[in-house]
Amino acid sequence: MLNDGEKGAVLQRDKESYAIVPHLPLGLITPAQLRKIADVADRYKPAALKITSAARIAIVGLKEADIDRAWEDLGMNPGATVGLCVRSIKACPGNTLCRLGQQDALAMGAEIDKRYHGLELPGKMKMGVSGCPNQCAETSVKDLGLVGKAKGWTILVGGNAASRARIGITLCEDLSSEEVLATCARIITYFKENGKKGERMGRFLDRVGLETFKTAVLAG
């Protein structure tokens, strides 16, 4: 029996089958990738294909003996679905595709995904990038969220939608894309160096204090 995350597989409720979740950055997928997922499903007969809340496609109910071959056939990297790390980055279409978009959520999300997806941290971290205040990427309930507005980006911290749900706190506003990336780097570094095992960003802020956090991450 595999441990959760080993070979990119997650043990299912029946304690016999596994789910694998290819990494599809920002939920964007090509026709070729869709065909590969469909071919794998036809070949290995999983119980289901499930579009997840993180905008990925989970292949659910694979036999352990089929996992390596399924990944080889897919030719894709696993998504970070378990463990204390940065999970998939959720992003809306932004001003690339949406008439309401005020900032480029796809470009920002892609850069954050490239830098941080799967990065090991003291606690899991969910991140979202919304191109306008409608927040279609649910940024107010992310550990670290970005919201695009007419004058620039707003950074929210400490939100989550788990059993102890909370809304993120506005950390700073009217940032350029370069300023956002620099601030996110300081936030993640500070959390990595000072967080406790299993601690989400919101509880971390409660422990260290918001003003102490601001001093550390807004000093650059």
C-alpha atoms as a PDB file:
ATOM      1  CA  MET A   1       0.000   0.000   0.000  1.00  0.00           C
ATOM      2  CA  LEU A   2       1.309   3.436  -0.966  1.00  0.00           C
ATOM      3  CA  ASN A   3       1.485   6.380   1.397  1.00  0.00           C
ATOM      4  CA  ASP A   4      -0.572   9.437   0.408  1.00  0.00           C
ATOM      5  CA  GLY A   5       1.388  11.409  -2.148  1.00  0.00           C
ATOM      6  CA  GLU A   6       3.733   8.548  -3.038  1.00  0.00           C
ATOM      7  CA  LYS A   7       3.890   8.237  -6.824  1.00  0.00           C
ATOM      8  CA  GLY A   8       1.447  11.158  -6.927  1.00  0.00           C
ATOM      9  CA  ALA A   9      -1.361   8.886  -5.688  1.00  0.00           C
ATOM     10  CA  VAL A  10      -3.960   9.329  -2.943  1.00  0.00           C
ATOM     11  CA  LEU A  11      -5.521   6.291  -1.262  1.00  0.00           C
ATOM     12  CA  GLN A  12      -9.299   6.219  -1.579  1.00  0.00           C
ATOM     13  CA  ARG A  13     -12.101   5.344   0.836  1.00  0.00           C
ATOM     14  CA  ASP A  14     -12.093   1.650  -0.087  1.00  0.00           C
ATOM     15  CA  LYS A  15      -8.429   1.390   1.071  1.00  0.00           C
ATOM     16  CA  GLU A  16      -7.614  -0.416  -2.164  1.00  0.00           C
ATOM     17  CA  SER A  17      -7.772   2.056  -5.049  1.00  0.00           C
ATOM     18  CA  TYR A  18      -6.044   5.379  -5.682  1.00  0.00           C
ATOM     19  CA  ALA A  19      -6.640   8.760  -7.281  1.00  0.00           C
ATOM     20  CA  ILE A  20      -4.057  10.624  -9.315  1.00  0.00           C
ATOM     21  CA  VAL A  21      -4.354  14.298 -10.197  1.00  0.00           C
ATOM     22  CA  PRO A  22      -2.262  15.735 -13.032  1.00  0.00           C
ATOM     23  CA  HIS A  23      -1.032  19.270 -12.453  1.00  0.00           C
ATOM     24  CA  LEU A  24      -2.975  21.630 -14.713  1.00  0.00           C
ATOM     25  CA  PRO A  25      -1.684  25.095 -13.808  1.00  0.00           C
ATOM     26  CA  LEU A  26      -4.560  27.532 -13.223  1.00  0.00           C
ATOM     27  CA  GLY A  27      -7.031  24.987 -14.592  1.00  0.00           C
ATOM     28  CA  LEU A  28      -5.896  25.594 -18.179  1.00  0.00           C
ATOM     29  CA  ILE A  29      -5.823  22.495 -20.354  1.00  0.00           C
ATOM     30  CA  THR A  30      -5.134  21.742 -24.027  1.00  0.00           C
ATOM     31  CA  PRO A  31      -7.120  19.444 -26.313  1.00  0.00           C
ATOM     32  CA  ALA A  32      -4.106  17.101 -26.390  1.00  0.00           C
ATOM     33  CA  GLN A  33      -4.065  16.863 -22.598  1.00  0.00           C
ATOM     34  CA  LEU A  34      -7.798  16.181 -22.515  1.00  0.00           C
ATOM     35  CA  ARG A  35      -7.323  13.377 -25.022  1.00  0.00           C
ATOM     36  CA  LYS A  36      -4.530  11.848 -22.920  1.00  0.00           C
ATOM     37  CA  ILE A  37      -6.705  11.888 -19.797  1.00  0.00           C
ATOM     38  CA  ALA A  38      -9.582  10.319 -21.740  1.00  0.00           C
ATOM     39  CA  ASP A  39      -7.256   7.668 -23.192  1.00  0.00           C
ATOM     40  CA  VAL A  40      -5.940   6.785 -19.714  1.00  0.00           C
ATOM     41  CA  ALA A  41      -9.499   6.519 -18.424  1.00  0.00           C
ATOM     42  CA  ASP A  42     -10.458   4.232 -21.293  1.00  0.00           C
ATOM     43  CA  ARG A  43      -7.355   2.098 -20.796  1.00  0.00           C
ATOM     44  CA  TYR A  44      -7.365   1.643 -17.005  1.00  0.00           C
ATOM     45  CA  LYS A  45     -11.093   1.933 -16.227  1.00  0.00           C
ATOM     46  CA  PRO A  46     -11.045   4.174 -13.122  1.00  0.00           C
ATOM     47  CA  ALA A  47     -14.213   4.600 -11.087  1.00  0.00           C
ATOM     48  CA  ALA A  48     -14.601   8.266 -12.067  1.00  0.00           C
ATOM     49  CA  LEU A  49     -13.097  11.389 -13.581  1.00  0.00           C
ATOM     50  CA  LYS A  50     -13.769  14.293 -11.214  1.00  0.00           C
ATOM     51  CA  ILE A  51     -13.240  17.998 -11.840  1.00  0.00           C
ATOM     52  CA  THR A  52     -11.947  19.178  -8.473  1.00  0.00           C
ATOM     53  CA  SER A  53     -12.542  22.408  -6.579  1.00  0.00           C
ATOM     54  CA  ALA A  54      -8.961  23.344  -7.492  1.00  0.00           C
ATOM     55  CA  ALA A  55      -9.846  23.192 -11.219  1.00  0.00           C
ATOM     56  CA  ARG A  56      -8.006  19.951 -11.914  1.00  0.00           C
ATOM     57  CA  ILE A  57      -9.178  16.580 -13.236  1.00  0.00           C
ATOM     58  CA  ALA A  58      -8.794  13.725 -10.752  1.00  0.00           C
ATOM     59  CA  ILE A  59      -8.587  10.189 -12.106  1.00  0.00           C
ATOM     60  CA  VAL A  60     -10.243   8.300  -9.269  1.00  0.00           C
ATOM     61  CA  GLY A  61     -10.216   4.582  -8.542  1.00  0.00           C
ATOM     62  CA  LEU A  62      -7.025   3.292 -10.166  1.00  0.00           C
ATOM     63  CA  LYS A  63      -5.436   0.021  -9.135  1.00  0.00           C
ATOM     64  CA  GLU A  64      -1.999   0.366  -7.549  1.00  0.00           C
ATOM     65  CA  ALA A  65      -0.477  -1.763 -10.297  1.00  0.00           C
ATOM     66  CA  ASP A  66      -1.679   0.716 -12.943  1.00  0.00           C
ATOM     67  CA  ILE A  67      -0.394   3.953 -11.381  1.00  0.00           C
ATOM     68  CA  ASP A  68       3.096   4.024 -12.921  1.00  0.00           C
ATOM     69  CA  ARG A  69       1.785   3.164 -16.381  1.00  0.00           C
ATOM     70  CA  ALA A  70      -0.982   5.745 -16.115  1.00  0.00           C
ATOM     71  CA  TRP A  71       1.514   8.510 -15.296  1.00  0.00           C
ATOM     72  CA  GLU A  72       3.766   7.386 -18.142  1.00  0.00           C
ATOM     73  CA  ASP A  73       0.842   7.496 -20.570  1.00  0.00           C
ATOM     74  CA  LEU A  74      -0.236  10.921 -19.345  1.00  0.00           C
ATOM     75  CA  GLY A  75       3.213  12.482 -19.571  1.00  0.00           C
ATOM     76  CA  MET A  76       2.175  15.090 -16.976  1.00  0.00           C
ATOM     77  CA  ASN A  77       3.476  16.063 -13.552  1.00  0.00           C
ATOM     78  CA  PRO A  78       1.425  15.292 -10.425  1.00  0.00           C
ATOM     79  CA  GLY A  79      -0.450  18.095  -8.724  1.00  0.00           C
ATOM     80  CA  ALA A  80       0.381  18.854  -5.080  1.00  0.00           C
ATOM     81  CA  THR A  81      -2.784  17.384  -3.552  1.00  0.00           C
ATOM     82  CA  VAL A  82      -1.560  16.337  -0.089  1.00  0.00           C
ATOM     83  CA  GLY A  83       1.104  17.322   2.408  1.00  0.00           C
ATOM     84  CA  LEU A  84       2.327  20.531   3.988  1.00  0.00           C
ATOM     85  CA  CYS A  85       3.081  22.559   0.895  1.00  0.00           C
ATOM     86  CA  VAL A  86       1.726  25.105  -1.559  1.00  0.00           C
ATOM     87  CA  ARG A  87      -1.249  23.484  -3.247  1.00  0.00           C
ATOM     88  CA  SER A  88      -2.573  24.358  -6.697  1.00  0.00           C
ATOM     89  CA  ILE A  89      -2.942  28.071  -7.436  1.00  0.00           C
ATOM     90  CA  LYS A  90      -6.491  29.002  -8.368  1.00  0.00           C
ATOM     91  CA  ALA A  91      -6.936  31.852 -10.849  1.00  0.00           C
ATOM     92  CA  CYS A  92      -9.806  33.449 -12.722  1.00  0.00           C
ATOM     93  CA  PRO A  93      -9.556  34.438 -16.428  1.00  0.00           C
ATOM     94  CA  GLY A  94      -8.539  37.995 -15.488  1.00  0.00           C
ATOM     95  CA  ASN A  95      -8.342  40.723 -18.106  1.00  0.00           C
ATOM     96  CA  THR A  96      -6.959  38.220 -20.626  1.00  0.00           C
ATOM     97  CA  LEU A  97     -10.384  36.662 -21.197  1.00  0.00           C
ATOM     98  CA  CYS A  98     -12.981  38.356 -18.989  1.00  0.00           C
ATOM     99  CA  ARG A  99     -14.576  41.750 -19.756  1.00  0.00           C
ATOM    100  CA  LEU A 100     -14.643  42.524 -16.011  1.00  0.00           C
ATOM    101  CA  GLY A 101     -10.968  41.791 -15.424  1.00  0.00           C
ATOM    102  CA  GLN A 102      -8.854  44.683 -14.161  1.00  0.00           C
ATOM    103  CA  GLN A 103      -5.505  42.868 -13.834  1.00  0.00           C
ATOM    104  CA  ASP A 104      -3.850  39.911 -15.576  1.00  0.00           C
ATOM    105  CA  ALA A 105      -4.730  37.075 -13.208  1.00  0.00           C
ATOM    106  CA  LEU A 106      -3.512  34.362 -15.583  1.00  0.00           C
ATOM    107  CA  ALA A 107      -0.023  35.821 -16.007  1.00  0.00           C
ATOM    108  CA  MET A 108       0.292  36.485 -12.268  1.00  0.00           C
ATOM    109  CA  GLY A 109      -1.072  33.059 -11.381  1.00  0.00           C
ATOM    110  CA  ALA A 110       1.269  31.333 -13.821  1.00  0.00           C
ATOM    111  CA  GLU A 111       4.305  33.070 -12.309  1.00  0.00           C
ATOM    112  CA  ILE A 112       3.252  32.191  -8.751  1.00  0.00           C
ATOM    113  CA  ASP A 113       2.569  28.605  -9.784  1.00  0.00           C
ATOM    114  CA  LYS A 114       6.025  28.351 -11.373  1.00  0.00           C
ATOM    115  CA  ARG A 115       7.706  29.708  -8.259  1.00  0.00           C
ATOM    116  CA  TYR A 116       5.774  28.002  -5.484  1.00  0.00           C
ATOM    117  CA  HIS A 117       3.587  25.041  -6.488  1.00  0.00           C
ATOM    118  CA  GLY A 118       4.572  22.080  -4.307  1.00  0.00           C
ATOM    119  CA  LEU A 119       6.955  24.121  -2.128  1.00  0.00           C
ATOM    120  CA  GLU A 120       7.201  22.471   1.300  1.00  0.00           C
ATOM    121  CA  LEU A 121       6.075  24.686   4.178  1.00  0.00           C
ATOM    122  CA  PRO A 122       5.208  24.243   7.864  1.00  0.00           C
ATOM    123  CA  GLY A 123       1.510  24.091   6.926  1.00  0.00           C
ATOM    124  CA  LYS A 124      -0.425  23.718   3.723  1.00  0.00           C
ATOM    125  CA  MET A 125      -0.992  26.927   1.791  1.00  0.00           C
ATOM    126  CA  LYS A 126      -3.745  27.631  -0.689  1.00  0.00           C
ATOM    127  CA  MET A 127      -3.353  30.605  -3.000  1.00  0.00           C
ATOM    128  CA  GLY A 128      -5.749  32.413  -5.303  1.00  0.00           C
ATOM    129  CA  VAL A 129      -5.497  35.152  -7.911  1.00  0.00           C
ATOM    130  CA  SER A 130      -8.575  37.156  -8.922  1.00  0.00           C
ATOM    131  CA  GLY A 131      -8.451  39.742 -11.668  1.00  0.00           C
ATOM    132  CA  CYS A 132     -11.211  41.915 -10.191  1.00  0.00           C
ATOM    133  CA  PRO A 133     -13.039  42.468  -6.874  1.00  0.00           C
ATOM    134  CA  ASN A 134     -15.661  39.843  -7.765  1.00  0.00           C
ATOM    135  CA  GLN A 135     -13.030  37.330  -6.616  1.00  0.00           C
ATOM    136  CA  CYS A 136     -14.029  34.373  -8.779  1.00  0.00           C
ATOM    137  CA  ALA A 137     -10.854  32.626  -7.538  1.00  0.00           C
ATOM    138  CA  GLU A 138     -12.263  32.797  -3.974  1.00  0.00           C
ATOM    139  CA  THR A 139      -9.280  34.805  -2.822  1.00  0.00           C
ATOM    140  CA  SER A 140     -10.823  35.919   0.480  1.00  0.00           C
ATOM    141  CA  VAL A 141     -10.729  32.322   1.725  1.00  0.00           C
ATOM    142  CA  LYS A 142      -7.135  31.575   0.690  1.00  0.00           C
ATOM    143  CA  ASP A 143      -4.076  31.598   2.934  1.00  0.00           C
ATOM    144  CA  LEU A 144      -2.598  34.059   0.454  1.00  0.00           C
ATOM    145  CA  GLY A 145      -4.849  35.812  -2.039  1.00  0.00           C
ATOM    146  CA  LEU A 146      -4.427  38.485  -4.696  1.00  0.00           C
ATOM    147  CA  VAL A 147      -7.205  40.724  -5.983  1.00  0.00           C
ATOM    148  CA  GLY A 148      -6.768  42.893  -9.059  1.00  0.00           C
ATOM    149  CA  LYS A 149      -8.216  46.398  -8.981  1.00  0.00           C
ATOM    150  CA  ALA A 150      -7.958  49.424 -11.260  1.00  0.00           C
ATOM    151  CA  LYS A 151      -4.958  50.878  -9.389  1.00  0.00           C
ATOM    152  CA  GLY A 152      -3.121  47.583  -8.891  1.00  0.00           C
ATOM    153  CA  TRP A 153      -3.115  44.472  -6.735  1.00  0.00           C
ATOM    154  CA  THR A 154      -4.443  43.926  -3.214  1.00  0.00           C
ATOM    155  CA  ILE A 155      -2.887  41.177  -1.070  1.00  0.00           C
ATOM    156  CA  LEU A 156      -5.056  39.275   1.419  1.00  0.00           C
ATOM    157  CA  VAL A 157      -3.639  36.911   4.052  1.00  0.00           C
ATOM    158  CA  GLY A 158      -4.994  34.401   6.532  1.00  0.00           C
ATOM    159  CA  GLY A 159      -8.215  33.259   4.905  1.00  0.00           C
ATOM    160  CA  ASN A 160      -9.404  29.665   4.623  1.00  0.00           C
ATOM    161  CA  ALA A 161     -12.579  27.703   4.004  1.00  0.00           C
ATOM    162  CA  ALA A 162     -11.747  24.777   6.282  1.00  0.00           C
ATOM    163  CA  SER A 163     -13.578  23.651   9.431  1.00  0.00           C
ATOM    164  CA  ARG A 164     -12.591  26.906  11.153  1.00  0.00           C
ATOM    165  CA  ALA A 165     -13.394  29.223   8.260  1.00  0.00           C
ATOM    166  CA  ARG A 166     -12.181  32.804   8.197  1.00  0.00           C
ATOM    167  CA  ILE A 167     -11.931  35.728   5.781  1.00  0.00           C
ATOM    168  CA  GLY A 168      -8.513  36.986   4.787  1.00  0.00           C
ATOM    169  CA  ILE A 169      -7.147  40.290   6.087  1.00  0.00           C
ATOM    170  CA  THR A 170      -6.132  43.041   3.677  1.00  0.00           C
ATOM    171  CA  LEU A 171      -2.371  43.374   4.008  1.00  0.00           C
ATOM    172  CA  CYS A 172      -1.599  45.992   1.352  1.00  0.00           C
ATOM    173  CA  GLU A 173      -3.131  47.596  -1.740  1.00  0.00           C
ATOM    174  CA  ASP A 174      -2.336  49.264  -5.074  1.00  0.00           C
ATOM    175  CA  LEU A 175       0.767  47.165  -5.761  1.00  0.00           C
ATOM    176  CA  SER A 176       2.389  46.635  -9.151  1.00  0.00           C
ATOM    177  CA  SER A 177       2.959  43.081 -10.350  1.00  0.00           C
ATOM    178  CA  GLU A 178       6.638  43.355  -9.424  1.00  0.00           C
ATOM    179  CA  GLU A 179       5.766  44.587  -5.926  1.00  0.00           C
ATOM    180  CA  VAL A 180       3.283  41.736  -5.497  1.00  0.00           C
ATOM    181  CA  LEU A 181       5.846  39.093  -6.374  1.00  0.00           C
ATOM    182  CA  ALA A 182       8.437  40.605  -4.040  1.00  0.00           C
ATOM    183  CA  THR A 183       5.924  40.820  -1.177  1.00  0.00           C
ATOM    184  CA  CYS A 184       4.698  37.264  -1.732  1.00  0.00           C
ATOM    185  CA  ALA A 185       8.310  36.068  -1.583  1.00  0.00           C
ATOM    186  CA  ARG A 186       8.778  37.748   1.806  1.00  0.00           C
ATOM    187  CA  ILE A 187       5.467  36.366   3.106  1.00  0.00           C
ATOM    188  CA  ILE A 188       6.300  32.806   2.132  1.00  0.00           C
ATOM    189  CA  THR A 189       9.859  33.036   3.448  1.00  0.00           C
ATOM    190  CA  TYR A 190       8.692  34.441   6.792  1.00  0.00           C
ATOM    191  CA  PHE A 191       6.034  31.732   7.131  1.00  0.00           C
ATOM    192  CA  LYS A 192       8.508  29.023   6.166  1.00  0.00           C
ATOM    193  CA  GLU A 193      11.028  30.189   8.750  1.00  0.00           C
ATOM    194  CA  ASN A 194       8.591  30.859  11.622  1.00  0.00           C
ATOM    195  CA  GLY A 195       5.505  28.673  11.160  1.00  0.00           C
ATOM    196  CA  LYS A 196       4.771  25.607  13.264  1.00  0.00           C
ATOM    197  CA  LYS A 197       4.050  22.203  11.761  1.00  0.00           C
ATOM    198  CA  GLY A 198       0.473  21.969  10.534  1.00  0.00           C
ATOM    199  CA  GLU A 199      -0.221  25.669  11.103  1.00  0.00           C
ATOM    200  CA  ARG A 200      -2.290  27.528   8.518  1.00  0.00           C
ATOM    201  CA  MET A 201      -1.575  31.166   7.757  1.00  0.00           C
ATOM    202  CA  GLY A 202      -4.537  32.491   9.736  1.00  0.00           C
ATOM    203  CA  ARG A 203      -3.515  30.734  12.967  1.00  0.00           C
ATOM    204  CA  PHE A 204       0.066  31.803  12.326  1.00  0.00           C
ATOM    205  CA  LEU A 205      -1.073  35.441  12.205  1.00  0.00           C
ATOM    206  CA  ASP A 206      -2.995  34.969  15.454  1.00  0.00           C
ATOM    207  CA  ARG A 207       0.149  33.635  17.119  1.00  0.00           C
ATOM    208  CA  VAL A 208       2.778  36.086  15.882  1.00  0.00           C
ATOM    209  CA  GLY A 209       0.521  39.133  15.698  1.00  0.00           C
ATOM    210  CA  LEU A 210      -0.542  41.061  12.618  1.00  0.00           C
ATOM    211  CA  GLU A 211       1.686  44.079  13.295  1.00  0.00           C
ATOM    212  CA  THR A 212       4.766  41.878  13.760  1.00  0.00           C
ATOM    213  CA  PHE A 213       3.901  40.112  10.509  1.00  0.00           C
ATOM    214  CA  LYS A 214       3.452  43.401   8.648  1.00  0.00           C
ATOM    215  CA  THR A 215       6.775  44.703   9.898  1.00  0.00           C
ATOM    216  CA  ALA A 216       8.512  41.559   8.664  1.00  0.00           C
ATOM    217  CA  VAL A 217       6.951  41.266   5.220  1.00  0.00           C
ATOM    218  CA  LEU A 218       6.346  44.896   4.236  1.00  0.00           C
ATOM    219  CA  ALA A 219       9.812  46.120   5.121  1.00  0.00           C
ATOM    220  CA  GLY A 220      11.363  45.573   1.701  1.00  0.00           C
END
